[in-house]
Amino acid sequence: MLRAAALLMVAVLGVSACNSEPSAQRVANDLINTLAESEEERVCMLGKVKAYSQDELEKIGDEAANGDVAAKAAANAELDKFQAELESCKE
């Protein structure tokens, strides 16, 4: 489930990177508030997202959606890291 949520989040971040509203951070927070299975998990995940700057989130989304092969590979590596961080909230 977290992989799907992370992928959805990055896809939405890619779209939001092109438009100023809503911010990538806001989209991520909204998705977590919707998908978290407990309050502890929600708080933990929100903390993980907060550790990323707005620019970092937008860069991941933009490169995943619009980058060249190398940029997409780097964005996928960041996505894997992000997913692992979110999954650590389930432990």
PDB file of N, CA and C in Angstrom:
ATOM      1  N   MET A   1       0.817  -1.191   0.000  1.00  0.00           N
ATOM      2  CA  MET A   1       0.000   0.000   0.000  1.00  0.00           C
ATOM      3  C   MET A   1       0.865   1.260   0.000  1.00  0.00           C
ATOM      4  N   LEU A   2       1.951   1.268   0.779  1.00  0.00           N
ATOM      5  CA  LEU A   2       2.783   2.461   0.846  1.00  0.00           C
ATOM      6  C   LEU A   2       3.467   2.756  -0.475  1.00  0.00           C
ATOM      7  N   ARG A   3       3.845   1.714  -1.216  1.00  0.00           N
ATOM      8  CA  ARG A   3       4.464   1.947  -2.527  1.00  0.00           C
ATOM      9  C   ARG A   3       3.459   2.635  -3.441  1.00  0.00           C
ATOM     10  N   ALA A   4       2.239   2.152  -3.447  1.00  0.00           N
ATOM     11  CA  ALA A   4       1.208   2.776  -4.272  1.00  0.00           C
ATOM     12  C   ALA A   4       0.960   4.207  -3.821  1.00  0.00           C
ATOM     13  N   ALA A   5       0.930   4.424  -2.513  1.00  0.00           N
ATOM     14  CA  ALA A   5       0.715   5.780  -2.001  1.00  0.00           C
ATOM     15  C   ALA A   5       1.879   6.681  -2.371  1.00  0.00           C
ATOM     16  N   ALA A   6       3.106   6.167  -2.245  1.00  0.00           N
ATOM     17  CA  ALA A   6       4.281   6.964  -2.597  1.00  0.00           C
ATOM     18  C   ALA A   6       4.279   7.284  -4.083  1.00  0.00           C
ATOM     19  N   LEU A   7       3.932   6.317  -4.921  1.00  0.00           N
ATOM     20  CA  LEU A   7       3.863   6.558  -6.363  1.00  0.00           C
ATOM     21  C   LEU A   7       2.794   7.590  -6.695  1.00  0.00           C
ATOM     22  N   LEU A   8       1.633   7.450  -6.061  1.00  0.00           N
ATOM     23  CA  LEU A   8       0.558   8.408  -6.279  1.00  0.00           C
ATOM     24  C   LEU A   8       1.001   9.793  -5.834  1.00  0.00           C
ATOM     25  N   MET A   9       1.670   9.840  -4.693  1.00  0.00           N
ATOM     26  CA  MET A   9       2.125  11.112  -4.179  1.00  0.00           C
ATOM     27  C   MET A   9       3.096  11.767  -5.143  1.00  0.00           C
ATOM     28  N   VAL A  10       4.051  11.006  -5.669  1.00  0.00           N
ATOM     29  CA  VAL A  10       5.033  11.569  -6.594  1.00  0.00           C
ATOM     30  C   VAL A  10       4.358  11.972  -7.895  1.00  0.00           C
ATOM     31  N   ALA A  11       3.396  11.194  -8.364  1.00  0.00           N
ATOM     32  CA  ALA A  11       2.671  11.576  -9.577  1.00  0.00           C
ATOM     33  C   ALA A  11       1.943  12.900  -9.370  1.00  0.00           C
ATOM     34  N   VAL A  12       1.306  13.034  -8.228  1.00  0.00           N
ATOM     35  CA  VAL A  12       0.606  14.281  -7.925  1.00  0.00           C
ATOM     36  C   VAL A  12       1.608  15.406  -7.719  1.00  0.00           C
ATOM     37  N   LEU A  13       2.743  15.102  -7.113  1.00  0.00           N
ATOM     38  CA  LEU A  13       3.772  16.123  -6.928  1.00  0.00           C
ATOM     39  C   LEU A  13       4.277  16.620  -8.265  1.00  0.00           C
ATOM     40  N   GLY A  14       4.396  15.725  -9.230  1.00  0.00           N
ATOM     41  CA  GLY A  14       4.822  16.130 -10.565  1.00  0.00           C
ATOM     42  C   GLY A  14       3.844  17.096 -11.190  1.00  0.00           C
ATOM     43  N   VAL A  15       2.570  16.854 -10.986  1.00  0.00           N
ATOM     44  CA  VAL A  15       1.546  17.758 -11.495  1.00  0.00           C
ATOM     45  C   VAL A  15       1.576  19.064 -10.729  1.00  0.00           C
ATOM     46  N   SER A  16       1.689  18.974  -9.402  1.00  0.00           N
ATOM     47  CA  SER A  16       1.661  20.198  -8.615  1.00  0.00           C
ATOM     48  C   SER A  16       2.916  21.025  -8.819  1.00  0.00           C
ATOM     49  N   ALA A  17       4.023  20.374  -9.232  1.00  0.00           N
ATOM     50  CA  ALA A  17       5.240  21.134  -9.507  1.00  0.00           C
ATOM     51  C   ALA A  17       5.035  22.074 -10.687  1.00  0.00           C
ATOM     52  N   CYS A  18       4.141  21.708 -11.582  1.00  0.00           N
ATOM     53  CA  CYS A  18       3.857  22.547 -12.743  1.00  0.00           C
ATOM     54  C   CYS A  18       2.893  23.679 -12.403  1.00  0.00           C
ATOM     55  N   ASN A  19       2.130  23.518 -11.377  1.00  0.00           N
ATOM     56  CA  ASN A  19       1.139  24.502 -10.959  1.00  0.00           C
ATOM     57  C   ASN A  19       1.463  24.926  -9.538  1.00  0.00           C
ATOM     58  N   SER A  20       1.298  26.180  -9.234  1.00  0.00           N
ATOM     59  CA  SER A  20       1.676  26.644  -7.908  1.00  0.00           C
ATOM     60  C   SER A  20       0.684  26.216  -6.832  1.00  0.00           C
ATOM     61  N   GLU A  21      -0.505  25.828  -7.189  1.00  0.00           N
ATOM     62  CA  GLU A  21      -1.513  25.424  -6.198  1.00  0.00           C
ATOM     63  C   GLU A  21      -1.988  24.024  -6.474  1.00  0.00           C
ATOM     64  N   PRO A  22      -2.165  23.166  -5.541  1.00  0.00           N
ATOM     65  CA  PRO A  22      -1.632  23.226  -4.185  1.00  0.00           C
ATOM     66  C   PRO A  22      -0.153  22.865  -4.172  1.00  0.00           C
ATOM     67  N   SER A  23       0.533  23.179  -3.085  1.00  0.00           N
ATOM     68  CA  SER A  23       1.961  22.885  -2.996  1.00  0.00           C
ATOM     69  C   SER A  23       2.183  21.381  -2.885  1.00  0.00           C
ATOM     70  N   ALA A  24       3.372  20.952  -3.242  1.00  0.00           N
ATOM     71  CA  ALA A  24       3.720  19.533  -3.143  1.00  0.00           C
ATOM     72  C   ALA A  24       3.605  19.057  -1.704  1.00  0.00           C
ATOM     73  N   GLN A  25       4.025  19.885  -0.769  1.00  0.00           N
ATOM     74  CA  GLN A  25       3.951  19.507   0.650  1.00  0.00           C
ATOM     75  C   GLN A  25       2.490  19.333   1.070  1.00  0.00           C
ATOM     76  N   ARG A  26       1.633  20.207   0.606  1.00  0.00           N
ATOM     77  CA  ARG A  26       0.204  20.128   0.948  1.00  0.00           C
ATOM     78  C   ARG A  26      -0.414  18.856   0.391  1.00  0.00           C
ATOM     79  N   VAL A  27      -0.075  18.521  -0.843  1.00  0.00           N
ATOM     80  CA  VAL A  27      -0.582  17.299  -1.466  1.00  0.00           C
ATOM     81  C   VAL A  27      -0.126  16.079  -0.668  1.00  0.00           C
ATOM     82  N   ALA A  28       1.155  16.053  -0.317  1.00  0.00           N
ATOM     83  CA  ALA A  28       1.692  14.934   0.461  1.00  0.00           C
ATOM     84  C   ALA A  28       0.980  14.816   1.806  1.00  0.00           C
ATOM     85  N   ASN A  29       0.805  15.924   2.493  1.00  0.00           N
ATOM     86  CA  ASN A  29       0.123  15.903   3.786  1.00  0.00           C
ATOM     87  C   ASN A  29      -1.318  15.427   3.654  1.00  0.00           C
ATOM     88  N   ASP A  30      -2.014  15.907   2.641  1.00  0.00           N
ATOM     89  CA  ASP A  30      -3.400  15.484   2.429  1.00  0.00           C
ATOM     90  C   ASP A  30      -3.492  13.984   2.163  1.00  0.00           C
ATOM     91  N   LEU A  31      -2.580  13.465   1.343  1.00  0.00           N
ATOM     92  CA  LEU A  31      -2.592  12.026   1.061  1.00  0.00           C
ATOM     93  C   LEU A  31      -2.318  11.212   2.329  1.00  0.00           C
ATOM     94  N   ILE A  32      -1.369  11.659   3.117  1.00  0.00           N
ATOM     95  CA  ILE A  32      -1.061  10.946   4.364  1.00  0.00           C
ATOM     96  C   ILE A  32      -2.240  10.999   5.315  1.00  0.00           C
ATOM     97  N   ASN A  33      -2.864  12.146   5.445  1.00  0.00           N
ATOM     98  CA  ASN A  33      -4.025  12.257   6.324  1.00  0.00           C
ATOM     99  C   ASN A  33      -5.155  11.329   5.889  1.00  0.00           C
ATOM    100  N   THR A  34      -5.233  11.060   4.601  1.00  0.00           N
ATOM    101  CA  THR A  34      -6.258  10.164   4.074  1.00  0.00           C
ATOM    102  C   THR A  34      -5.872   8.698   4.206  1.00  0.00           C
ATOM    103  N   LEU A  35      -4.598   8.364   4.002  1.00  0.00           N
ATOM    104  CA  LEU A  35      -4.183   6.974   3.899  1.00  0.00           C
ATOM    105  C   LEU A  35      -3.630   6.354   5.178  1.00  0.00           C
ATOM    106  N   ALA A  36      -3.224   7.149   6.143  1.00  0.00           N
ATOM    107  CA  ALA A  36      -2.642   6.600   7.370  1.00  0.00           C
ATOM    108  C   ALA A  36      -3.663   5.738   8.106  1.00  0.00           C
ATOM    109  N   GLU A  37      -3.182   4.630   8.653  1.00  0.00           N
ATOM    110  CA  GLU A  37      -4.062   3.673   9.318  1.00  0.00           C
ATOM    111  C   GLU A  37      -4.217   3.943  10.808  1.00  0.00           C
ATOM    112  N   SER A  38      -3.360   4.787  11.384  1.00  0.00           N
ATOM    113  CA  SER A  38      -3.476   5.140  12.796  1.00  0.00           C
ATOM    114  C   SER A  38      -2.932   6.547  12.993  1.00  0.00           C
ATOM    115  N   GLU A  39      -3.231   7.117  14.145  1.00  0.00           N
ATOM    116  CA  GLU A  39      -2.735   8.452  14.452  1.00  0.00           C
ATOM    117  C   GLU A  39      -1.214   8.451  14.565  1.00  0.00           C
ATOM    118  N   GLU A  40      -0.651   7.421  15.174  1.00  0.00           N
ATOM    119  CA  GLU A  40       0.807   7.332  15.295  1.00  0.00           C
ATOM    120  C   GLU A  40       1.461   7.268  13.929  1.00  0.00           C
ATOM    121  N   GLU A  41       0.897   6.463  13.038  1.00  0.00           N
ATOM    122  CA  GLU A  41       1.427   6.340  11.686  1.00  0.00           C
ATOM    123  C   GLU A  41       1.323   7.676  10.953  1.00  0.00           C
ATOM    124  N   ARG A  42       0.206   8.351  11.106  1.00  0.00           N
ATOM    125  CA  ARG A  42      -0.009   9.642  10.450  1.00  0.00           C
ATOM    126  C   ARG A  42       1.023  10.660  10.908  1.00  0.00           C
ATOM    127  N   VAL A  43       1.216  10.772  12.210  1.00  0.00           N
ATOM    128  CA  VAL A  43       2.172  11.734  12.760  1.00  0.00           C
ATOM    129  C   VAL A  43       3.587  11.419  12.282  1.00  0.00           C
ATOM    130  N   CYS A  44       3.943  10.144  12.301  1.00  0.00           N
ATOM    131  CA  CYS A  44       5.265   9.724  11.845  1.00  0.00           C
ATOM    132  C   CYS A  44       5.464  10.079  10.375  1.00  0.00           C
ATOM    133  N   MET A  45       4.498   9.750   9.530  1.00  0.00           N
ATOM    134  CA  MET A  45       4.625  10.025   8.099  1.00  0.00           C
ATOM    135  C   MET A  45       4.692  11.518   7.819  1.00  0.00           C
ATOM    136  N   LEU A  46       3.887  12.299   8.518  1.00  0.00           N
ATOM    137  CA  LEU A  46       3.933  13.747   8.332  1.00  0.00           C
ATOM    138  C   LEU A  46       5.316  14.288   8.692  1.00  0.00           C
ATOM    139  N   GLY A  47       5.920  13.717   9.721  1.00  0.00           N
ATOM    140  CA  GLY A  47       7.283  14.110  10.080  1.00  0.00           C
ATOM    141  C   GLY A  47       8.282  13.777   8.998  1.00  0.00           C
ATOM    142  N   LYS A  48       8.096  12.626   8.348  1.00  0.00           N
ATOM    143  CA  LYS A  48       8.995  12.234   7.253  1.00  0.00           C
ATOM    144  C   LYS A  48       8.876  13.202   6.081  1.00  0.00           C
ATOM    145  N   VAL A  49       7.659  13.602   5.764  1.00  0.00           N
ATOM    146  CA  VAL A  49       7.445  14.545   4.666  1.00  0.00           C
ATOM    147  C   VAL A  49       8.035  15.906   5.029  1.00  0.00           C
ATOM    148  N   LYS A  50       7.854  16.303   6.280  1.00  0.00           N
ATOM    149  CA  LYS A  50       8.360  17.610   6.720  1.00  0.00           C
ATOM    150  C   LYS A  50       9.878  17.705   6.603  1.00  0.00           C
ATOM    151  N   ALA A  51      10.551  16.554   6.657  1.00  0.00           N
ATOM    152  CA  ALA A  51      12.012  16.536   6.538  1.00  0.00           C
ATOM    153  C   ALA A  51      12.478  16.932   5.130  1.00  0.00           C
ATOM    154  N   TYR A  52      11.582  16.862   4.156  1.00  0.00           N
ATOM    155  CA  TYR A  52      11.891  17.272   2.786  1.00  0.00           C
ATOM    156  C   TYR A  52      11.459  18.723   2.595  1.00  0.00           C
ATOM    157  N   SER A  53      12.273  19.481   1.897  1.00  0.00           N
ATOM    158  CA  SER A  53      11.868  20.849   1.571  1.00  0.00           C
ATOM    159  C   SER A  53      10.848  20.815   0.435  1.00  0.00           C
ATOM    160  N   GLN A  54      10.150  21.915   0.280  1.00  0.00           N
ATOM    161  CA  GLN A  54       9.200  22.049  -0.821  1.00  0.00           C
ATOM    162  C   GLN A  54       9.914  21.826  -2.156  1.00  0.00           C
ATOM    163  N   ASP A  55      11.101  22.400  -2.289  1.00  0.00           N
ATOM    164  CA  ASP A  55      11.865  22.261  -3.535  1.00  0.00           C
ATOM    165  C   ASP A  55      12.253  20.812  -3.797  1.00  0.00           C
ATOM    166  N   GLU A  56      12.651  20.073  -2.752  1.00  0.00           N
ATOM    167  CA  GLU A  56      13.024  18.671  -2.925  1.00  0.00           C
ATOM    168  C   GLU A  56      11.840  17.846  -3.410  1.00  0.00           C
ATOM    169  N   LEU A  57      10.687  18.058  -2.796  1.00  0.00           N
ATOM    170  CA  LEU A  57       9.498  17.307  -3.208  1.00  0.00           C
ATOM    171  C   LEU A  57       9.114  17.625  -4.649  1.00  0.00           C
ATOM    172  N   GLU A  58       9.151  18.890  -4.995  1.00  0.00           N
ATOM    173  CA  GLU A  58       8.805  19.276  -6.360  1.00  0.00           C
ATOM    174  C   GLU A  58       9.803  18.722  -7.370  1.00  0.00           C
ATOM    175  N   LYS A  59      11.088  18.697  -6.999  1.00  0.00           N
ATOM    176  CA  LYS A  59      12.110  18.167  -7.902  1.00  0.00           C
ATOM    177  C   LYS A  59      11.886  16.680  -8.159  1.00  0.00           C
ATOM    178  N   ILE A  60      11.598  15.920  -7.108  1.00  0.00           N
ATOM    179  CA  ILE A  60      11.330  14.482  -7.279  1.00  0.00           C
ATOM    180  C   ILE A  60      10.149  14.281  -8.219  1.00  0.00           C
ATOM    181  N   GLY A  61       9.071  15.000  -7.960  1.00  0.00           N
ATOM    182  CA  GLY A  61       7.882  14.864  -8.803  1.00  0.00           C
ATOM    183  C   GLY A  61       8.122  15.280 -10.232  1.00  0.00           C
ATOM    184  N   ASP A  62       8.810  16.392 -10.412  1.00  0.00           N
ATOM    185  CA  ASP A  62       9.071  16.892 -11.761  1.00  0.00           C
ATOM    186  C   ASP A  62       9.971  15.938 -12.535  1.00  0.00           C
ATOM    187  N   GLU A  63      11.035  15.462 -11.891  1.00  0.00           N
ATOM    188  CA  GLU A  63      11.956  14.563 -12.583  1.00  0.00           C
ATOM    189  C   GLU A  63      11.322  13.203 -12.862  1.00  0.00           C
ATOM    190  N   ALA A  64      10.480  12.727 -11.951  1.00  0.00           N
ATOM    191  CA  ALA A  64       9.804  11.452 -12.187  1.00  0.00           C
ATOM    192  C   ALA A  64       8.849  11.565 -13.377  1.00  0.00           C
ATOM    193  N   ALA A  65       8.225  12.714 -13.524  1.00  0.00           N
ATOM    194  CA  ALA A  65       7.237  12.901 -14.587  1.00  0.00           C
ATOM    195  C   ALA A  65       7.850  13.367 -15.903  1.00  0.00           C
ATOM    196  N   ASN A  66       8.878  14.207 -15.831  1.00  0.00           N
ATOM    197  CA  ASN A  66       9.341  14.880 -17.036  1.00  0.00           C
ATOM    198  C   ASN A  66      10.828  14.734 -17.334  1.00  0.00           C
ATOM    199  N   GLY A  67      11.567  14.069 -16.474  1.00  0.00           N
ATOM    200  CA  GLY A  67      13.015  14.008 -16.637  1.00  0.00           C
ATOM    201  C   GLY A  67      13.465  13.065 -17.722  1.00  0.00           C
ATOM    202  N   ASP A  68      14.753  13.192 -18.057  1.00  0.00           N
ATOM    203  CA  ASP A  68      15.349  12.248 -18.984  1.00  0.00           C
ATOM    204  C   ASP A  68      15.585  10.933 -18.228  1.00  0.00           C
ATOM    205  N   VAL A  69      16.170   9.971 -18.893  1.00  0.00           N
ATOM    206  CA  VAL A  69      16.350   8.645 -18.300  1.00  0.00           C
ATOM    207  C   VAL A  69      17.123   8.716 -16.990  1.00  0.00           C
ATOM    208  N   ALA A  70      18.209   9.468 -16.983  1.00  0.00           N
ATOM    209  CA  ALA A  70      19.029   9.582 -15.776  1.00  0.00           C
ATOM    210  C   ALA A  70      18.270  10.273 -14.657  1.00  0.00           C
ATOM    211  N   ALA A  71      17.536  11.327 -14.992  1.00  0.00           N
ATOM    212  CA  ALA A  71      16.764  12.051 -13.979  1.00  0.00           C
ATOM    213  C   ALA A  71      15.651  11.173 -13.410  1.00  0.00           C
ATOM    214  N   LYS A  72      15.003  10.403 -14.286  1.00  0.00           N
ATOM    215  CA  LYS A  72      13.947   9.501 -13.810  1.00  0.00           C
ATOM    216  C   LYS A  72      14.525   8.420 -12.906  1.00  0.00           C
ATOM    217  N   ALA A  73      15.708   7.909 -13.238  1.00  0.00           N
ATOM    218  CA  ALA A  73      16.358   6.902 -12.396  1.00  0.00           C
ATOM    219  C   ALA A  73      16.683   7.486 -11.027  1.00  0.00           C
ATOM    220  N   ALA A  74      17.191   8.710 -11.005  1.00  0.00           N
ATOM    221  CA  ALA A  74      17.495   9.369  -9.728  1.00  0.00           C
ATOM    222  C   ALA A  74      16.214   9.615  -8.936  1.00  0.00           C
ATOM    223  N   ALA A  75      15.152  10.030  -9.625  1.00  0.00           N
ATOM    224  CA  ALA A  75      13.870  10.266  -8.950  1.00  0.00           C
ATOM    225  C   ALA A  75      13.321   8.954  -8.390  1.00  0.00           C
ATOM    226  N   ASN A  76      13.472   7.859  -9.128  1.00  0.00           N
ATOM    227  CA  ASN A  76      13.009   6.558  -8.623  1.00  0.00           C
ATOM    228  C   ASN A  76      13.812   6.127  -7.403  1.00  0.00           C
ATOM    229  N   ALA A  77      15.107   6.431  -7.379  1.00  0.00           N
ATOM    230  CA  ALA A  77      15.927   6.123  -6.205  1.00  0.00           C
ATOM    231  C   ALA A  77      15.443   6.936  -5.000  1.00  0.00           C
ATOM    232  N   GLU A  78      15.129   8.193  -5.228  1.00  0.00           N
ATOM    233  CA  GLU A  78      14.585   9.033  -4.151  1.00  0.00           C
ATOM    234  C   GLU A  78      13.215   8.525  -3.706  1.00  0.00           C
ATOM    235  N   LEU A  79      12.420   8.066  -4.668  1.00  0.00           N
ATOM    236  CA  LEU A  79      11.114   7.502  -4.341  1.00  0.00           C
ATOM    237  C   LEU A  79      11.273   6.261  -3.471  1.00  0.00           C
ATOM    238  N   ASP A  80      12.239   5.405  -3.803  1.00  0.00           N
ATOM    239  CA  ASP A  80      12.501   4.212  -2.992  1.00  0.00           C
ATOM    240  C   ASP A  80      12.901   4.601  -1.570  1.00  0.00           C
ATOM    241  N   LYS A  81      13.740   5.613  -1.455  1.00  0.00           N
ATOM    242  CA  LYS A  81      14.156   6.103  -0.132  1.00  0.00           C
ATOM    243  C   LYS A  81      12.954   6.647   0.628  1.00  0.00           C
ATOM    244  N   PHE A  82      12.140   7.438  -0.049  1.00  0.00           N
ATOM    245  CA  PHE A  82      10.945   8.027   0.554  1.00  0.00           C
ATOM    246  C   PHE A  82       9.985   6.930   1.014  1.00  0.00           C
ATOM    247  N   GLN A  83       9.790   5.924   0.176  1.00  0.00           N
ATOM    248  CA  GLN A  83       8.926   4.801   0.530  1.00  0.00           C
ATOM    249  C   GLN A  83       9.443   4.101   1.780  1.00  0.00           C
ATOM    250  N   ALA A  84      10.740   3.861   1.844  1.00  0.00           N
ATOM    251  CA  ALA A  84      11.327   3.198   3.015  1.00  0.00           C
ATOM    252  C   ALA A  84      11.115   4.025   4.271  1.00  0.00           C
ATOM    253  N   GLU A  85      11.243   5.337   4.133  1.00  0.00           N
ATOM    254  CA  GLU A  85      11.016   6.209   5.283  1.00  0.00           C
ATOM    255  C   GLU A  85       9.560   6.135   5.735  1.00  0.00           C
ATOM    256  N   LEU A  86       8.639   6.123   4.799  1.00  0.00           N
ATOM    257  CA  LEU A  86       7.216   6.011   5.161  1.00  0.00           C
ATOM    258  C   LEU A  86       6.919   4.647   5.789  1.00  0.00           C
ATOM    259  N   GLU A  87       7.513   3.593   5.228  1.00  0.00           N
ATOM    260  CA  GLU A  87       7.290   2.246   5.768  1.00  0.00           C
ATOM    261  C   GLU A  87       7.833   2.103   7.175  1.00  0.00           C
ATOM    262  N   SER A  88       8.879   2.853   7.504  1.00  0.00           N
ATOM    263  CA  SER A  88       9.426   2.782   8.867  1.00  0.00           C
ATOM    264  C   SER A  88       8.407   3.238   9.905  1.00  0.00           C
ATOM    265  N   CYS A  89       7.406   3.962   9.472  1.00  0.00           N
ATOM    266  CA  CYS A  89       6.349   4.430  10.378  1.00  0.00           C
ATOM    267  C   CYS A  89       5.393   3.293  10.764  1.00  0.00           C
ATOM    268  N   LYS A  90       5.405   2.207  10.027  1.00  0.00           N
ATOM    269  CA  LYS A  90       4.521   1.084  10.299  1.00  0.00           C
ATOM    270  C   LYS A  90       5.113   0.117  11.314  1.00  0.00           C
ATOM    271  N   GLU A  91       6.391   0.266  11.630  1.00  0.00           N
ATOM    272  CA  GLU A  91       7.065  -0.675  12.524  1.00  0.00           C
ATOM    273  C   GLU A  91       6.792  -0.383  13.967  1.00  0.00           C
TER     274      GLU A  91
END
